[in-house]
Amino acid sequence: MKYPAIFSALFSLLFSTSALASELHADVHRDAFCGCCKDWIVHLENNGFTVNDQVESNMNSIKEKLGIAPALRSCHTAVINGKFFEGHVPADAVKKVLADDDLIGAAVPGMPVGSPGMEMGDRQDKYDVVGVTRDGKTKVVASYP
């Protein structure tokens, strides 16, 4: 009689692991000549994400298609579970946004020094991760350092 419980536990583990794996898959769109984009991809991979690296010839068309406002734009764009992540968003903030059903994406506008992929020695600019809600409003979801 112990076998049904074991099979049930294994079944639950299998499906919860599959759900987690899909949560951590990122499609990253970037320009071929941007080194910081590659560094941000390494940051995601070091934090448990599987990355599909997509080199693009027209990044503005990607951003426009996803509805990313010009004021929020940066150098690369990721899509994870249908949400966009623009620029050097730290992995912990990505996970926070993924868990918030009201948000459709988040951005780190510009390229702040010290953000993931933009490390330059000990320098650390202050920056915010800006979330975008379903109704198009923005709100700060995390601040660094």
N, C-alpha and C. Protein backbone atom coordinates (compact mmCIF):
# COMPACT_ATOMS: atom_id res chain seq x y z
N MET A 1 0.81 -1.21 0.00
CA MET A 1 0.00 0.00 0.00
C MET A 1 0.86 1.27 0.00
N LYS A 2 2.14 1.15 0.19
CA LYS A 2 3.01 2.32 0.19
C LYS A 2 3.29 2.82 -1.21
N TYR A 3 3.13 1.96 -2.22
CA TYR A 3 3.48 2.35 -3.59
C TYR A 3 2.65 3.52 -4.12
N PRO A 4 1.34 3.57 -3.90
CA PRO A 4 0.58 4.72 -4.42
C PRO A 4 1.10 6.05 -3.86
N ALA A 5 1.50 6.09 -2.62
CA ALA A 5 2.02 7.32 -2.02
C ALA A 5 3.35 7.71 -2.66
N ILE A 6 4.19 6.73 -2.91
CA ILE A 6 5.48 7.00 -3.54
C ILE A 6 5.27 7.54 -4.96
N PHE A 7 4.38 6.87 -5.73
CA PHE A 7 4.11 7.32 -7.09
C PHE A 7 3.51 8.73 -7.10
N SER A 8 2.63 8.99 -6.14
CA SER A 8 2.02 10.31 -6.04
C SER A 8 3.08 11.38 -5.75
N ALA A 9 4.00 11.07 -4.85
CA ALA A 9 5.07 12.01 -4.52
C ALA A 9 5.99 12.25 -5.71
N LEU A 10 6.34 11.19 -6.42
CA LEU A 10 7.19 11.34 -7.60
C LEU A 10 6.49 12.14 -8.70
N PHE A 11 5.21 11.90 -8.88
CA PHE A 11 4.42 12.63 -9.87
C PHE A 11 4.40 14.12 -9.54
N SER A 12 4.17 14.46 -8.26
CA SER A 12 4.16 15.85 -7.83
C SER A 12 5.52 16.51 -8.04
N LEU A 13 6.58 15.80 -7.70
CA LEU A 13 7.93 16.32 -7.86
C LEU A 13 8.24 16.57 -9.33
N LEU A 14 7.87 15.64 -10.18
CA LEU A 14 8.12 15.77 -11.61
C LEU A 14 7.45 17.03 -12.16
N PHE A 15 6.19 17.24 -11.83
CA PHE A 15 5.48 18.38 -12.38
C PHE A 15 5.89 19.69 -11.74
N SER A 16 6.26 19.72 -10.46
CA SER A 16 6.72 20.97 -9.86
C SER A 16 8.08 21.33 -10.41
N THR A 17 8.94 20.38 -10.71
CA THR A 17 10.25 20.65 -11.30
C THR A 17 10.08 21.17 -12.73
N SER A 18 9.14 20.62 -13.49
CA SER A 18 8.89 21.11 -14.84
C SER A 18 8.40 22.54 -14.82
N ALA A 19 7.53 22.87 -13.89
CA ALA A 19 7.02 24.24 -13.79
C ALA A 19 8.15 25.20 -13.45
N LEU A 20 9.03 24.82 -12.55
CA LEU A 20 10.15 25.67 -12.17
C LEU A 20 11.08 25.88 -13.36
N ALA A 21 11.35 24.83 -14.11
CA ALA A 21 12.24 24.94 -15.27
C ALA A 21 11.67 25.91 -16.29
N SER A 22 10.36 25.87 -16.53
CA SER A 22 9.79 26.79 -17.51
C SER A 22 9.83 28.22 -17.01
N GLU A 23 9.73 28.42 -15.70
CA GLU A 23 9.81 29.76 -15.14
C GLU A 23 11.18 30.37 -15.35
N LEU A 24 12.19 29.56 -15.45
CA LEU A 24 13.55 30.07 -15.51
C LEU A 24 14.16 29.99 -16.91
N HIS A 25 13.32 30.02 -17.93
CA HIS A 25 13.81 30.04 -19.31
C HIS A 25 13.65 31.45 -19.85
N ALA A 26 14.75 32.01 -20.37
CA ALA A 26 14.73 33.38 -20.89
C ALA A 26 15.12 33.40 -22.36
N ASP A 27 14.34 34.10 -23.16
CA ASP A 27 14.70 34.40 -24.54
C ASP A 27 15.28 35.82 -24.52
N VAL A 28 16.59 35.92 -24.74
CA VAL A 28 17.26 37.22 -24.69
C VAL A 28 17.55 37.68 -26.11
N HIS A 29 17.08 38.88 -26.43
CA HIS A 29 17.32 39.52 -27.72
C HIS A 29 18.39 40.58 -27.53
N ARG A 30 19.44 40.53 -28.38
CA ARG A 30 20.54 41.48 -28.22
C ARG A 30 21.20 41.76 -29.55
N ASP A 31 21.94 42.84 -29.57
CA ASP A 31 22.75 43.21 -30.72
C ASP A 31 24.01 42.35 -30.72
N ALA A 32 24.52 42.02 -31.87
CA ALA A 32 25.70 41.15 -31.99
C ALA A 32 26.96 41.76 -31.39
N PHE A 33 27.03 43.07 -31.31
CA PHE A 33 28.27 43.72 -30.91
C PHE A 33 28.26 44.24 -29.48
N CYS A 34 27.30 43.84 -28.68
CA CYS A 34 27.19 44.34 -27.31
C CYS A 34 27.76 43.34 -26.31
N GLY A 35 28.87 43.69 -25.68
CA GLY A 35 29.50 42.80 -24.70
C GLY A 35 28.77 42.75 -23.38
N CYS A 36 28.18 43.86 -22.95
CA CYS A 36 27.49 43.85 -21.66
C CYS A 36 26.27 42.94 -21.69
N CYS A 37 25.66 42.79 -22.86
CA CYS A 37 24.51 41.89 -22.99
C CYS A 37 24.94 40.46 -22.70
N LYS A 38 26.09 40.08 -23.22
CA LYS A 38 26.61 38.73 -22.97
C LYS A 38 26.89 38.54 -21.48
N ASP A 39 27.41 39.57 -20.83
CA ASP A 39 27.68 39.49 -19.39
C ASP A 39 26.39 39.35 -18.59
N TRP A 40 25.32 40.03 -19.03
CA TRP A 40 24.03 39.90 -18.34
C TRP A 40 23.48 38.49 -18.52
N ILE A 41 23.67 37.91 -19.69
CA ILE A 41 23.25 36.52 -19.92
C ILE A 41 23.97 35.59 -18.95
N VAL A 42 25.26 35.78 -18.76
CA VAL A 42 26.03 34.96 -17.81
C VAL A 42 25.46 35.14 -16.40
N HIS A 43 25.08 36.37 -16.04
CA HIS A 43 24.46 36.63 -14.73
C HIS A 43 23.17 35.81 -14.57
N LEU A 44 22.34 35.80 -15.60
CA LEU A 44 21.10 35.00 -15.53
C LEU A 44 21.43 33.52 -15.38
N GLU A 45 22.36 33.03 -16.19
CA GLU A 45 22.72 31.61 -16.13
C GLU A 45 23.29 31.24 -14.76
N ASN A 46 24.07 32.12 -14.17
CA ASN A 46 24.63 31.87 -12.83
C ASN A 46 23.56 31.88 -11.75
N ASN A 47 22.36 32.38 -12.09
CA ASN A 47 21.26 32.43 -11.13
C ASN A 47 20.12 31.48 -11.51
N GLY A 48 20.45 30.43 -12.27
CA GLY A 48 19.50 29.36 -12.51
C GLY A 48 18.66 29.47 -13.77
N PHE A 49 18.89 30.46 -14.61
CA PHE A 49 18.12 30.61 -15.83
C PHE A 49 18.78 29.84 -16.98
N THR A 50 17.94 29.29 -17.84
CA THR A 50 18.39 28.75 -19.12
C THR A 50 18.10 29.85 -20.13
N VAL A 51 19.11 30.19 -20.93
CA VAL A 51 18.97 31.34 -21.83
C VAL A 51 19.06 30.90 -23.28
N ASN A 52 18.10 31.39 -24.07
CA ASN A 52 18.13 31.27 -25.52
C ASN A 52 18.61 32.63 -26.02
N ASP A 53 19.87 32.71 -26.44
CA ASP A 53 20.51 33.94 -26.88
C ASP A 53 20.18 34.18 -28.34
N GLN A 54 19.45 35.28 -28.61
CA GLN A 54 19.00 35.59 -29.97
C GLN A 54 19.62 36.91 -30.42
N VAL A 55 20.54 36.82 -31.38
CA VAL A 55 21.16 38.01 -31.93
C VAL A 55 20.21 38.62 -32.96
N GLU A 56 19.96 39.91 -32.82
CA GLU A 56 18.99 40.61 -33.65
C GLU A 56 19.66 41.72 -34.46
N SER A 57 19.10 42.02 -35.61
CA SER A 57 19.63 43.12 -36.42
C SER A 57 18.86 44.41 -36.17
N ASN A 58 17.65 44.33 -35.58
CA ASN A 58 16.85 45.52 -35.33
C ASN A 58 16.19 45.42 -33.96
N MET A 59 16.92 45.87 -32.94
CA MET A 59 16.40 45.78 -31.58
C MET A 59 15.19 46.67 -31.35
N ASN A 60 15.12 47.83 -32.01
CA ASN A 60 13.97 48.71 -31.82
C ASN A 60 12.66 48.03 -32.21
N SER A 61 12.68 47.20 -33.24
CA SER A 61 11.45 46.51 -33.64
C SER A 61 11.01 45.51 -32.57
N ILE A 62 11.96 44.87 -31.91
CA ILE A 62 11.64 43.94 -30.81
C ILE A 62 10.97 44.72 -29.68
N LYS A 63 11.56 45.84 -29.29
CA LYS A 63 11.05 46.65 -28.19
C LYS A 63 9.66 47.21 -28.52
N GLU A 64 9.48 47.65 -29.75
CA GLU A 64 8.18 48.16 -30.17
C GLU A 64 7.12 47.06 -30.15
N LYS A 65 7.48 45.90 -30.63
CA LYS A 65 6.55 44.75 -30.66
C LYS A 65 6.09 44.39 -29.24
N LEU A 66 7.01 44.50 -28.28
CA LEU A 66 6.68 44.17 -26.89
C LEU A 66 6.04 45.33 -26.14
N GLY A 67 5.97 46.51 -26.77
CA GLY A 67 5.33 47.67 -26.14
C GLY A 67 6.18 48.33 -25.06
N ILE A 68 7.49 48.25 -25.20
CA ILE A 68 8.38 48.86 -24.20
C ILE A 68 8.53 50.34 -24.53
N ALA A 69 8.13 51.19 -23.60
CA ALA A 69 8.19 52.64 -23.79
C ALA A 69 9.63 53.09 -24.00
N PRO A 70 9.85 54.06 -24.87
CA PRO A 70 11.21 54.55 -25.12
C PRO A 70 11.96 54.97 -23.84
N ALA A 71 11.27 55.53 -22.87
CA ALA A 71 11.92 55.97 -21.63
C ALA A 71 12.46 54.80 -20.80
N LEU A 72 11.99 53.59 -21.06
CA LEU A 72 12.43 52.42 -20.29
C LEU A 72 13.49 51.60 -21.01
N ARG A 73 13.82 51.96 -22.21
CA ARG A 73 14.69 51.11 -23.04
C ARG A 73 16.15 51.13 -22.62
N SER A 74 16.78 50.01 -22.93
CA SER A 74 18.21 49.82 -22.69
C SER A 74 18.76 49.03 -23.86
N CYS A 75 19.80 48.25 -23.64
CA CYS A 75 20.48 47.61 -24.77
C CYS A 75 19.92 46.24 -25.15
N HIS A 76 19.42 45.46 -24.22
CA HIS A 76 18.92 44.12 -24.55
C HIS A 76 17.55 43.92 -23.92
N THR A 77 16.83 42.94 -24.45
CA THR A 77 15.47 42.67 -24.01
C THR A 77 15.30 41.17 -23.85
N ALA A 78 14.73 40.77 -22.73
CA ALA A 78 14.44 39.36 -22.49
C ALA A 78 12.93 39.17 -22.37
N VAL A 79 12.47 37.98 -22.76
CA VAL A 79 11.09 37.59 -22.53
C VAL A 79 11.13 36.31 -21.71
N ILE A 80 10.46 36.37 -20.56
CA ILE A 80 10.42 35.23 -19.64
C ILE A 80 8.97 35.05 -19.20
N ASN A 81 8.40 33.90 -19.47
CA ASN A 81 7.00 33.63 -19.13
C ASN A 81 6.06 34.71 -19.62
N GLY A 82 6.32 35.22 -20.81
CA GLY A 82 5.46 36.23 -21.41
C GLY A 82 5.68 37.64 -20.91
N LYS A 83 6.59 37.83 -19.97
CA LYS A 83 6.89 39.17 -19.44
C LYS A 83 8.21 39.65 -20.03
N PHE A 84 8.30 40.97 -20.24
CA PHE A 84 9.55 41.51 -20.77
C PHE A 84 10.46 41.99 -19.64
N PHE A 85 11.76 41.92 -19.90
CA PHE A 85 12.78 42.43 -18.98
C PHE A 85 13.77 43.19 -19.82
N GLU A 86 13.80 44.49 -19.61
CA GLU A 86 14.58 45.40 -20.44
C GLU A 86 15.82 45.86 -19.68
N GLY A 87 16.97 45.61 -20.27
CA GLY A 87 18.21 46.09 -19.67
C GLY A 87 18.74 45.20 -18.57
N HIS A 88 19.53 45.80 -17.69
CA HIS A 88 20.33 45.07 -16.72
C HIS A 88 19.56 44.80 -15.41
N VAL A 89 18.45 44.10 -15.53
CA VAL A 89 17.61 43.75 -14.38
C VAL A 89 18.29 42.61 -13.62
N PRO A 90 18.58 42.78 -12.32
CA PRO A 90 19.18 41.69 -11.55
C PRO A 90 18.25 40.48 -11.48
N ALA A 91 18.83 39.30 -11.41
CA ALA A 91 18.06 38.05 -11.41
C ALA A 91 17.06 37.99 -10.26
N ASP A 92 17.42 38.51 -9.08
CA ASP A 92 16.47 38.46 -7.97
C ASP A 92 15.25 39.34 -8.26
N ALA A 93 15.44 40.46 -8.94
CA ALA A 93 14.30 41.31 -9.32
C ALA A 93 13.48 40.65 -10.41
N VAL A 94 14.13 39.94 -11.34
CA VAL A 94 13.40 39.20 -12.37
C VAL A 94 12.45 38.21 -11.69
N LYS A 95 12.96 37.47 -10.73
CA LYS A 95 12.13 36.48 -10.04
C LYS A 95 10.99 37.14 -9.27
N LYS A 96 11.25 38.30 -8.69
CA LYS A 96 10.20 39.05 -7.98
C LYS A 96 9.09 39.47 -8.95
N VAL A 97 9.47 39.97 -10.12
CA VAL A 97 8.49 40.40 -11.12
C VAL A 97 7.71 39.20 -11.66
N LEU A 98 8.37 38.08 -11.86
CA LEU A 98 7.68 36.88 -12.33
C LEU A 98 6.59 36.44 -11.37
N ALA A 99 6.79 36.68 -10.08
CA ALA A 99 5.82 36.26 -9.07
C ALA A 99 4.68 37.26 -8.89
N ASP A 100 4.75 38.43 -9.52
CA ASP A 100 3.75 39.48 -9.37
C ASP A 100 2.82 39.47 -10.58
N ASP A 101 1.60 38.99 -10.40
CA ASP A 101 0.65 38.86 -11.51
C ASP A 101 0.20 40.20 -12.09
N ASP A 102 0.38 41.29 -11.35
CA ASP A 102 -0.03 42.60 -11.85
C ASP A 102 0.98 43.19 -12.82
N LEU A 103 2.20 42.66 -12.84
CA LEU A 103 3.25 43.22 -13.69
C LEU A 103 3.38 42.46 -15.01
N ILE A 104 3.58 43.23 -16.08
CA ILE A 104 3.79 42.62 -17.40
C ILE A 104 5.26 42.66 -17.80
N GLY A 105 6.06 43.33 -17.00
CA GLY A 105 7.48 43.42 -17.29
C GLY A 105 8.19 44.39 -16.37
N ALA A 106 9.49 44.52 -16.60
CA ALA A 106 10.30 45.42 -15.79
C ALA A 106 11.50 45.88 -16.59
N ALA A 107 12.07 47.02 -16.17
CA ALA A 107 13.20 47.58 -16.89
C ALA A 107 14.17 48.26 -15.94
N VAL A 108 15.42 48.26 -16.36
CA VAL A 108 16.44 49.12 -15.77
C VAL A 108 16.84 50.04 -16.93
N PRO A 109 16.24 51.24 -16.98
CA PRO A 109 16.55 52.15 -18.07
C PRO A 109 18.03 52.55 -18.08
N GLY A 110 18.55 52.77 -19.27
CA GLY A 110 19.95 53.16 -19.39
C GLY A 110 20.85 51.97 -19.10
N MET A 111 22.05 52.28 -18.69
CA MET A 111 23.04 51.22 -18.42
C MET A 111 23.83 51.60 -17.17
N PRO A 112 23.20 51.51 -15.97
CA PRO A 112 23.89 51.95 -14.76
C PRO A 112 25.10 51.09 -14.42
N VAL A 113 26.18 51.75 -14.09
CA VAL A 113 27.41 51.05 -13.71
C VAL A 113 27.16 50.29 -12.41
N GLY A 114 27.61 49.05 -12.38
CA GLY A 114 27.44 48.20 -11.21
C GLY A 114 26.24 47.27 -11.31
N SER A 115 25.36 47.50 -12.27
CA SER A 115 24.24 46.58 -12.48
C SER A 115 24.79 45.32 -13.15
N PRO A 116 24.08 44.19 -13.07
CA PRO A 116 24.60 42.95 -13.67
C PRO A 116 24.93 43.13 -15.15
N GLY A 117 26.19 42.83 -15.48
CA GLY A 117 26.67 43.00 -16.84
C GLY A 117 27.38 44.32 -17.05
N MET A 118 27.23 45.24 -16.13
CA MET A 118 27.86 46.56 -16.23
C MET A 118 28.85 46.81 -15.09
N GLU A 119 29.43 45.73 -14.56
CA GLU A 119 30.38 45.87 -13.47
C GLU A 119 31.65 46.54 -13.96
N MET A 120 32.12 47.53 -13.19
CA MET A 120 33.36 48.25 -13.50
C MET A 120 34.08 48.54 -12.20
N GLY A 121 34.83 47.57 -11.71
CA GLY A 121 35.52 47.75 -10.44
C GLY A 121 34.54 47.87 -9.29
N ASP A 122 34.84 48.80 -8.38
CA ASP A 122 34.00 49.00 -7.19
C ASP A 122 32.88 50.02 -7.39
N ARG A 123 32.86 50.67 -8.54
CA ARG A 123 31.85 51.70 -8.77
C ARG A 123 30.46 51.08 -8.81
N GLN A 124 29.52 51.75 -8.16
CA GLN A 124 28.15 51.24 -8.08
C GLN A 124 27.18 52.41 -8.13
N ASP A 125 26.58 52.65 -9.29
CA ASP A 125 25.56 53.69 -9.40
C ASP A 125 24.28 53.21 -8.73
N LYS A 126 23.53 54.15 -8.19
CA LYS A 126 22.20 53.81 -7.67
C LYS A 126 21.24 53.73 -8.86
N TYR A 127 20.36 52.74 -8.82
CA TYR A 127 19.37 52.60 -9.89
C TYR A 127 18.14 51.86 -9.38
N ASP A 128 17.06 52.03 -10.10
CA ASP A 128 15.79 51.37 -9.79
C ASP A 128 15.43 50.38 -10.87
N VAL A 129 14.73 49.33 -10.46
CA VAL A 129 14.07 48.43 -11.39
C VAL A 129 12.63 48.92 -11.44
N VAL A 130 12.19 49.29 -12.64
CA VAL A 130 10.86 49.85 -12.83
C VAL A 130 9.94 48.77 -13.39
N GLY A 131 8.88 48.46 -12.65
CA GLY A 131 7.90 47.50 -13.12
C GLY A 131 6.81 48.19 -13.91
N VAL A 132 6.24 47.48 -14.87
CA VAL A 132 5.14 48.00 -15.68
C VAL A 132 3.90 47.15 -15.39
N THR A 133 2.82 47.82 -14.98
CA THR A 133 1.59 47.11 -14.63
C THR A 133 0.74 46.85 -15.86
N ARG A 134 -0.27 46.03 -15.68
CA ARG A 134 -1.16 45.67 -16.79
C ARG A 134 -1.86 46.90 -17.39
N ASP A 135 -2.08 47.92 -16.56
CA ASP A 135 -2.74 49.14 -17.07
C ASP A 135 -1.74 50.18 -17.57
N GLY A 136 -0.46 49.78 -17.70
CA GLY A 136 0.54 50.65 -18.30
C GLY A 136 1.24 51.61 -17.34
N LYS A 137 0.91 51.52 -16.08
CA LYS A 137 1.57 52.39 -15.10
C LYS A 137 2.91 51.78 -14.69
N THR A 138 3.78 52.62 -14.16
CA THR A 138 5.08 52.13 -13.70
C THR A 138 5.18 52.29 -12.19
N LYS A 139 5.99 51.42 -11.61
CA LYS A 139 6.28 51.51 -10.18
C LYS A 139 7.64 50.90 -9.92
N VAL A 140 8.34 51.42 -8.93
CA VAL A 140 9.63 50.88 -8.58
C VAL A 140 9.42 49.57 -7.83
N VAL A 141 10.06 48.50 -8.31
CA VAL A 141 9.92 47.19 -7.66
C VAL A 141 11.17 46.80 -6.89
N ALA A 142 12.28 47.49 -7.16
CA ALA A 142 13.52 47.23 -6.40
C ALA A 142 14.47 48.40 -6.65
N SER A 143 15.33 48.66 -5.67
CA SER A 143 16.34 49.72 -5.78
C SER A 143 17.68 49.14 -5.40
N TYR A 144 18.72 49.58 -6.09
CA TYR A 144 20.08 49.09 -5.86
C TYR A 144 21.01 50.27 -5.78
N PRO A 145 22.15 50.25 -5.19
CA PRO A 145 22.54 49.30 -4.14
C PRO A 145 21.85 49.61 -2.84
